[in-house]
N, C-alpha and C. Protein backbone atom coordinates (compact mmCIF):
# COMPACT_ATOMS: atom_id res chain seq x y z
N UNK A 1 -9.99 -2.96 -16.47
CA UNK A 1 -9.81 -3.75 -16.02
C UNK A 1 -7.89 -4.49 -15.83
N UNK A 2 -7.34 -3.53 -16.88
CA UNK A 2 -5.43 -4.13 -17.12
C UNK A 2 -5.34 -3.70 -15.77
N UNK A 3 -6.15 -2.26 -15.95
CA UNK A 3 -5.34 -2.05 -14.05
C UNK A 3 -5.57 -2.06 -13.41
N UNK A 4 -6.64 -2.58 -13.19
CA UNK A 4 -6.56 -2.88 -12.22
C UNK A 4 -5.94 -4.18 -11.25
N UNK A 5 -5.61 -5.20 -12.03
CA UNK A 5 -4.87 -6.34 -12.19
C UNK A 5 -3.13 -6.11 -12.56
N UNK A 6 -2.71 -4.82 -12.49
CA UNK A 6 -1.63 -4.66 -11.95
C UNK A 6 -1.24 -4.33 -10.82
N UNK A 7 -3.17 -3.20 -10.84
CA UNK A 7 -2.38 -2.53 -9.12
C UNK A 7 -2.92 -3.80 -7.89
N UNK A 8 -3.47 -4.81 -8.57
CA UNK A 8 -3.59 -5.78 -7.49
C UNK A 8 -2.99 -6.52 -7.80
N UNK A 9 -1.82 -6.71 -8.44
CA UNK A 9 -0.38 -7.31 -8.24
C UNK A 9 0.79 -6.58 -7.39
N UNK A 10 0.99 -5.00 -8.00
CA UNK A 10 1.70 -3.83 -7.27
C UNK A 10 1.43 -4.40 -5.93
N UNK A 11 -0.16 -4.10 -5.07
CA UNK A 11 -0.43 -4.82 -4.20
C UNK A 11 0.46 -6.06 -3.40
N UNK A 12 0.04 -6.61 -3.99
CA UNK A 12 0.07 -8.09 -3.41
C UNK A 12 1.88 -8.11 -2.82
N UNK A 13 2.33 -8.00 -4.28
CA UNK A 13 3.71 -8.06 -4.04
C UNK A 13 4.54 -7.22 -2.62
N UNK A 14 3.83 -5.60 -3.27
CA UNK A 14 4.57 -4.86 -1.70
C UNK A 14 3.76 -5.14 -0.40
N UNK A 15 2.73 -6.08 -0.35
CA UNK A 15 2.34 -6.66 0.85
C UNK A 15 3.17 -7.52 1.50
N UNK A 16 3.47 -8.35 0.59
CA UNK A 16 5.03 -9.34 0.93
C UNK A 16 6.25 -8.77 1.02
N UNK A 17 5.89 -7.69 0.62
CA UNK A 17 7.59 -7.54 0.89
C UNK A 17 8.00 -6.99 1.98
N UNK A 18 6.61 -6.02 2.88
CA UNK A 18 6.57 -4.71 3.58
C UNK A 18 6.29 -5.80 4.63
N UNK A 19 5.95 -7.77 4.76
CA UNK A 19 6.06 -8.61 5.86
C UNK A 19 7.34 -9.21 5.45
N UNK A 20 8.02 -9.37 4.83
CA UNK A 20 8.78 -9.68 4.95
C UNK A 20 10.51 -10.08 4.88
N UNK A 21 10.24 -7.87 4.92
CA UNK A 21 10.93 -7.09 5.65
C UNK A 21 11.17 -6.67 7.23
N UNK A 22 9.60 -7.11 7.91
CA UNK A 22 9.13 -6.61 9.41
C UNK A 22 9.66 -7.79 9.90
N UNK A 23 9.34 -9.02 9.30
CA UNK A 23 9.52 -10.45 10.04
C UNK A 23 11.23 -10.35 10.01
N UNK A 24 11.62 -9.72 9.11
CA UNK A 24 13.71 -9.88 9.51
C UNK A 24 14.29 -9.16 10.36
N UNK A 25 13.10 -7.79 10.70
CA UNK A 25 13.37 -6.95 11.18
C UNK A 25 12.87 -7.31 12.94
N UNK A 26 12.15 -7.49 12.79
CA UNK A 26 11.86 -8.55 14.28
C UNK A 26 12.71 -9.40 15.05
N UNK A 27 12.71 -8.88 15.97
CA UNK A 27 13.94 -9.63 17.20
C UNK A 27 13.09 -11.36 17.12
N UNK A 28 13.90 -12.84 17.02
CA UNK A 28 12.94 -14.21 17.32
C UNK A 28 13.77 -13.58 19.25
N UNK A 29 12.69 -14.42 19.24
CA UNK A 29 11.61 -15.73 18.65
C UNK A 29 9.80 -14.69 18.40
N UNK A 30 9.33 -15.06 17.77
CA UNK A 30 8.47 -14.05 17.25
C UNK A 30 7.13 -14.75 18.21
N UNK A 31 5.85 -14.23 18.61
CA UNK A 31 5.51 -14.49 19.46
C UNK A 31 3.98 -14.46 18.78
N UNK A 32 2.83 -14.83 18.73
CA UNK A 32 0.93 -14.24 18.27
C UNK A 32 1.31 -12.66 18.02
N UNK A 33 1.45 -11.82 18.68
CA UNK A 33 1.38 -10.95 18.88
C UNK A 33 2.01 -10.36 18.75
N UNK A 34 3.10 -10.39 17.46
CA UNK A 34 4.25 -9.57 16.69
C UNK A 34 4.23 -9.98 15.59
N UNK A 35 3.06 -11.68 15.55
CA UNK A 35 2.49 -11.92 14.01
C UNK A 35 1.60 -10.71 13.24
N UNK A 36 1.22 -10.32 14.31
CA UNK A 36 -0.08 -9.57 14.01
C UNK A 36 0.40 -7.79 13.33
N UNK A 37 1.90 -7.37 14.73
CA UNK A 37 1.97 -6.33 14.57
C UNK A 37 3.17 -5.98 12.34
N UNK A 38 3.86 -7.41 12.69
CA UNK A 38 3.54 -6.95 11.16
C UNK A 38 2.90 -7.25 9.71
N UNK A 39 1.38 -8.38 10.39
CA UNK A 39 0.38 -7.94 8.67
C UNK A 39 -0.42 -6.64 8.95
N UNK A 40 -0.23 -6.10 10.45
CA UNK A 40 -1.11 -4.61 10.27
C UNK A 40 0.42 -4.38 9.09
N UNK A 41 1.30 -3.13 10.18
CA UNK A 41 2.41 -2.69 9.33
C UNK A 41 2.34 -3.59 7.84
N UNK A 42 2.35 -4.56 7.53
CA UNK A 42 1.97 -4.78 6.29
C UNK A 42 0.90 -4.56 5.08
N UNK A 43 -0.31 -4.53 5.46
CA UNK A 43 -1.56 -3.85 5.53
C UNK A 43 -1.49 -2.42 5.26
N UNK A 44 -1.03 -1.05 6.42
CA UNK A 44 -0.20 -0.12 6.23
C UNK A 44 -0.08 0.51 4.71
N UNK A 45 1.20 0.10 4.89
CA UNK A 45 2.09 -0.04 3.72
C UNK A 45 1.62 -0.68 2.55
N UNK A 46 1.02 -1.31 1.90
CA UNK A 46 0.68 -1.92 0.56
C UNK A 46 -0.85 -0.95 0.95
N UNK A 47 -0.99 -0.38 2.11
CA UNK A 47 -2.52 0.27 1.16
C UNK A 47 -2.99 1.80 1.56
N UNK A 48 -1.07 2.47 1.37
CA UNK A 48 -0.72 3.50 1.61
C UNK A 48 -0.87 3.85 -0.35
N UNK A 49 0.83 2.84 0.05
CA UNK A 49 1.36 2.29 -1.54
C UNK A 49 -0.57 2.37 -2.72
N UNK A 50 -1.04 1.98 -2.50
CA UNK A 50 -2.39 1.41 -3.47
C UNK A 50 -3.23 3.15 -3.13
N UNK A 51 -2.56 3.85 -2.00
CA UNK A 51 -3.13 5.41 -2.74
C UNK A 51 -2.49 6.71 -3.17
N UNK A 52 -0.54 5.67 -2.82
CA UNK A 52 -0.60 6.91 -4.16
C UNK A 52 -0.51 7.36 -5.04
N UNK A 53 -0.65 5.34 -5.44
CA UNK A 53 -0.43 4.62 -6.88
C UNK A 53 -2.04 5.45 -7.87
N UNK A 54 -3.25 5.12 -6.63
CA UNK A 54 -4.52 5.24 -7.43
C UNK A 54 -4.10 7.34 -7.83
N UNK A 55 -3.52 7.82 -7.19
CA UNK A 55 -3.87 9.46 -7.45
C UNK A 55 -3.57 9.69 -8.04
N UNK A 56 -2.21 8.31 -8.48
CA UNK A 56 -0.64 9.19 -9.71
C UNK A 56 -1.57 8.80 -10.75
N UNK A 57 -2.57 7.42 -11.04
CA UNK A 57 -2.82 7.04 -12.09
C UNK A 57 -4.43 7.57 -12.58
N UNK A 58 -4.52 8.82 -11.86
CA UNK A 58 -6.25 9.09 -12.02
C UNK A 58 -5.76 10.23 -13.15
N UNK A 59 -7.08 10.30 -13.97
CA UNK A 59 -6.84 10.65 -14.71
C UNK A 59 -7.54 12.68 -14.25
N UNK A 60 -7.11 13.00 -15.04
CA UNK A 60 -6.25 14.71 -14.95
C UNK A 60 -6.20 14.86 -13.29
N UNK A 61 -5.23 14.17 -13.49
CA UNK A 61 -4.15 13.86 -12.03
C UNK A 61 -4.64 15.19 -11.09
N UNK A 62 -4.11 16.43 -11.22
CA UNK A 62 -3.84 17.75 -10.41
C UNK A 62 -4.90 17.66 -9.78
N UNK A 63 -5.95 17.65 -10.12
CA UNK A 63 -7.42 18.05 -9.81
C UNK A 63 -8.19 16.77 -8.77
N UNK A 64 -7.01 15.99 -7.95
CA UNK A 64 -7.84 15.03 -7.67
C UNK A 64 -8.59 15.67 -6.34
N UNK A 65 -8.23 16.37 -5.91
CA UNK A 65 -8.42 16.58 -4.14
C UNK A 65 -9.30 18.56 -4.32
N UNK A 66 -8.73 19.36 -5.42
CA UNK A 66 -8.76 20.50 -5.13
C UNK A 66 -9.76 21.14 -6.49
N UNK A 67 -10.75 21.73 -6.19
CA UNK A 67 -11.43 21.77 -8.04
C UNK A 67 -11.79 23.53 -8.19
N UNK A 68 -10.64 23.95 -8.70
CA UNK A 68 -11.03 25.20 -8.86
C UNK A 68 -12.33 25.27 -9.95
N UNK A 69 -12.79 26.75 -8.89
CA UNK A 69 -14.08 27.76 -10.14
C UNK A 69 -13.80 28.28 -11.03
N UNK A 70 -14.89 28.29 -11.85
CA UNK A 70 -14.72 29.50 -12.87
C UNK A 70 -14.97 30.76 -12.79
N UNK A 71 -14.82 31.08 -13.15
CA UNK A 71 -14.84 32.99 -12.69
C UNK A 71 -15.91 33.48 -13.64
């Protein structure tokens, strides 16, 4: 439960940071499509961050994608 709350909080912070950075980088005046792009990129960044954190914090870290067979 604690891990889930920490991951959710990290994703909210990462989303806000990515959206804030994109908002500063986009030249003004911003249109509706610009806000759509900012939200899409922030979502992509936060989901990529979630994927990386889930892989790094999963039990048995080295065998997440490949299972070795016994000989």
